[in-house]
Amino acid sequence: MAIDGIKIALCVIGAFYAFAGYAATRAGLTSHFLDRAIAAIGNTRPSRMETARTVWLLAAATLVFAGGVALLFLIDIAAWLFLASALGQALYLF
């Protein structure tokens, strides 16, 4: 009986992370779209720094989303995806 409760909790946590990955991806794409629109209004190109930040955010969000979906379906690779995501965030902070 306890294992069923743990599986349910892991699925709920996975669903939360899948939603967080989706929300972060949406935010990154919206930011990228706005950067391009503002650059087009000013007849310039988006800065390389903003483009690099967008790529980093989208990569991190994809890892979070993939980890959440893997955990939601209780796939073993979820632990590796969360580890890769944590290492990426540590790299970004340091």
C-alpha atoms as a PDB file:
ATOM      1  CA  MET A   1       0.000   0.000   0.000  1.00  0.00           C
ATOM      2  CA  ALA A   2       2.825   2.423   0.806  1.00  0.00           C
ATOM      3  CA  ILE A   3       4.371   1.909  -2.620  1.00  0.00           C
ATOM      4  CA  ASP A   4       1.170   3.043  -4.298  1.00  0.00           C
ATOM      5  CA  GLY A   5       1.221   6.256  -2.275  1.00  0.00           C
ATOM      6  CA  ILE A   6       4.835   6.876  -3.239  1.00  0.00           C
ATOM      7  CA  LYS A   7       4.039   6.300  -6.910  1.00  0.00           C
ATOM      8  CA  ILE A   8       1.159   8.756  -6.711  1.00  0.00           C
ATOM      9  CA  ALA A   9       3.383  11.349  -5.022  1.00  0.00           C
ATOM     10  CA  LEU A  10       6.079  10.898  -7.683  1.00  0.00           C
ATOM     11  CA  CYS A  11       3.483  11.304 -10.441  1.00  0.00           C
ATOM     12  CA  VAL A  12       2.186  14.517  -8.857  1.00  0.00           C
ATOM     13  CA  ILE A  13       5.737  15.874  -8.529  1.00  0.00           C
ATOM     14  CA  GLY A  14       6.420  14.881 -12.138  1.00  0.00           C
ATOM     15  CA  ALA A  15       3.286  16.684 -13.294  1.00  0.00           C
ATOM     16  CA  PHE A  16       4.397  19.807 -11.421  1.00  0.00           C
ATOM     17  CA  TYR A  17       7.834  19.748 -13.056  1.00  0.00           C
ATOM     18  CA  ALA A  18       6.336  19.075 -16.486  1.00  0.00           C
ATOM     19  CA  PHE A  19       4.100  22.125 -16.043  1.00  0.00           C
ATOM     20  CA  ALA A  20       7.056  24.201 -14.791  1.00  0.00           C
ATOM     21  CA  GLY A  21       9.081  23.190 -17.848  1.00  0.00           C
ATOM     22  CA  TYR A  22       6.192  24.122 -20.116  1.00  0.00           C
ATOM     23  CA  ALA A  23       5.760  27.502 -18.400  1.00  0.00           C
ATOM     24  CA  ALA A  24       9.492  28.253 -18.589  1.00  0.00           C
ATOM     25  CA  THR A  25       9.596  27.277 -22.264  1.00  0.00           C
ATOM     26  CA  ARG A  26       6.662  29.527 -22.982  1.00  0.00           C
ATOM     27  CA  ALA A  27       8.305  32.403 -21.096  1.00  0.00           C
ATOM     28  CA  GLY A  28      11.578  31.895 -22.981  1.00  0.00           C
ATOM     29  CA  LEU A  29       9.869  31.859 -26.357  1.00  0.00           C
ATOM     30  CA  THR A  30       7.816  34.945 -25.468  1.00  0.00           C
ATOM     31  CA  SER A  31      10.976  36.757 -24.371  1.00  0.00           C
ATOM     32  CA  HIS A  32      12.727  35.770 -27.585  1.00  0.00           C
ATOM     33  CA  PHE A  33       9.776  36.958 -29.660  1.00  0.00           C
ATOM     34  CA  LEU A  34       9.679  40.299 -27.830  1.00  0.00           C
ATOM     35  CA  ASP A  35      13.449  40.770 -28.197  1.00  0.00           C
ATOM     36  CA  ARG A  36      13.149  40.216 -31.931  1.00  0.00           C
ATOM     37  CA  ALA A  37      10.142  42.538 -32.185  1.00  0.00           C
ATOM     38  CA  ILE A  38      11.886  45.342 -30.285  1.00  0.00           C
ATOM     39  CA  ALA A  39      15.006  44.885 -32.405  1.00  0.00           C
ATOM     40  CA  ALA A  40      12.888  45.040 -35.577  1.00  0.00           C
ATOM     41  CA  ILE A  41      11.234  48.267 -34.422  1.00  0.00           C
ATOM     42  CA  GLY A  42      14.665  49.785 -33.780  1.00  0.00           C
ATOM     43  CA  ASN A  43      15.980  48.378 -37.075  1.00  0.00           C
ATOM     44  CA  THR A  44      18.744  46.508 -35.238  1.00  0.00           C
ATOM     45  CA  ARG A  45      19.577  42.913 -34.441  1.00  0.00           C
ATOM     46  CA  PRO A  46      18.871  41.336 -31.040  1.00  0.00           C
ATOM     47  CA  SER A  47      21.948  41.354 -28.837  1.00  0.00           C
ATOM     48  CA  ARG A  48      24.002  38.191 -28.712  1.00  0.00           C
ATOM     49  CA  MET A  49      23.725  38.189 -24.919  1.00  0.00           C
ATOM     50  CA  GLU A  50      19.921  38.123 -25.022  1.00  0.00           C
ATOM     51  CA  THR A  51      19.963  35.379 -27.642  1.00  0.00           C
ATOM     52  CA  ALA A  52      22.386  33.322 -25.532  1.00  0.00           C
ATOM     53  CA  ARG A  53      20.178  33.762 -22.449  1.00  0.00           C
ATOM     54  CA  THR A  54      17.154  32.625 -24.407  1.00  0.00           C
ATOM     55  CA  VAL A  55      18.947  29.525 -25.673  1.00  0.00           C
ATOM     56  CA  TRP A  56      20.116  28.717 -22.136  1.00  0.00           C
ATOM     57  CA  LEU A  57      16.613  29.197 -20.698  1.00  0.00           C
ATOM     58  CA  LEU A  58      15.064  27.007 -23.385  1.00  0.00           C
ATOM     59  CA  ALA A  59      17.646  24.260 -22.852  1.00  0.00           C
ATOM     60  CA  ALA A  60      17.123  24.315 -19.085  1.00  0.00           C
ATOM     61  CA  ALA A  61      13.340  24.368 -19.484  1.00  0.00           C
ATOM     62  CA  THR A  62      13.513  21.419 -21.873  1.00  0.00           C
ATOM     63  CA  LEU A  63      15.489  19.392 -19.329  1.00  0.00           C
ATOM     64  CA  VAL A  64      13.004  20.252 -16.570  1.00  0.00           C
ATOM     65  CA  PHE A  65      10.068  19.371 -18.818  1.00  0.00           C
ATOM     66  CA  ALA A  66      11.638  16.079 -19.931  1.00  0.00           C
ATOM     67  CA  GLY A  67      12.485  15.162 -16.339  1.00  0.00           C
ATOM     68  CA  GLY A  68       8.949  15.965 -15.218  1.00  0.00           C
ATOM     69  CA  VAL A  69       7.372  13.888 -17.971  1.00  0.00           C
ATOM     70  CA  ALA A  70       9.743  10.994 -17.270  1.00  0.00           C
ATOM     71  CA  LEU A  71       8.881  11.147 -13.562  1.00  0.00           C
ATOM     72  CA  LEU A  72       5.176  11.418 -14.340  1.00  0.00           C
ATOM     73  CA  PHE A  73       5.379   8.148 -16.257  1.00  0.00           C
ATOM     74  CA  LEU A  74       7.837   6.668 -13.715  1.00  0.00           C
ATOM     75  CA  ILE A  75      10.610   6.156 -16.274  1.00  0.00           C
ATOM     76  CA  ASP A  76      14.046   5.450 -14.787  1.00  0.00           C
ATOM     77  CA  ILE A  77      15.811   8.115 -16.851  1.00  0.00           C
ATOM     78  CA  ALA A  78      14.034  10.815 -14.799  1.00  0.00           C
ATOM     79  CA  ALA A  79      16.788  10.796 -12.172  1.00  0.00           C
ATOM     80  CA  TRP A  80      19.454  11.410 -14.817  1.00  0.00           C
ATOM     81  CA  LEU A  81      17.447  14.225 -16.383  1.00  0.00           C
ATOM     82  CA  PHE A  82      17.000  15.931 -13.014  1.00  0.00           C
ATOM     83  CA  LEU A  83      20.717  15.496 -12.307  1.00  0.00           C
ATOM     84  CA  ALA A  84      21.600  17.055 -15.671  1.00  0.00           C
ATOM     85  CA  SER A  85      19.223  19.914 -14.934  1.00  0.00           C
ATOM     86  CA  ALA A  86      20.754  20.495 -11.497  1.00  0.00           C
ATOM     87  CA  LEU A  87      24.282  20.443 -12.928  1.00  0.00           C
ATOM     88  CA  GLY A  88      23.249  22.916 -15.612  1.00  0.00           C
ATOM     89  CA  GLN A  89      21.784  25.269 -13.032  1.00  0.00           C
ATOM     90  CA  ALA A  90      24.930  24.990 -10.875  1.00  0.00           C
ATOM     91  CA  LEU A  91      27.045  25.774 -13.933  1.00  0.00           C
ATOM     92  CA  TYR A  92      24.875  28.804 -14.670  1.00  0.00           C
ATOM     93  CA  LEU A  93      25.121  30.109 -11.089  1.00  0.00           C
ATOM     94  CA  PHE A  94      28.879  29.658 -10.837  1.00  0.00           C
END
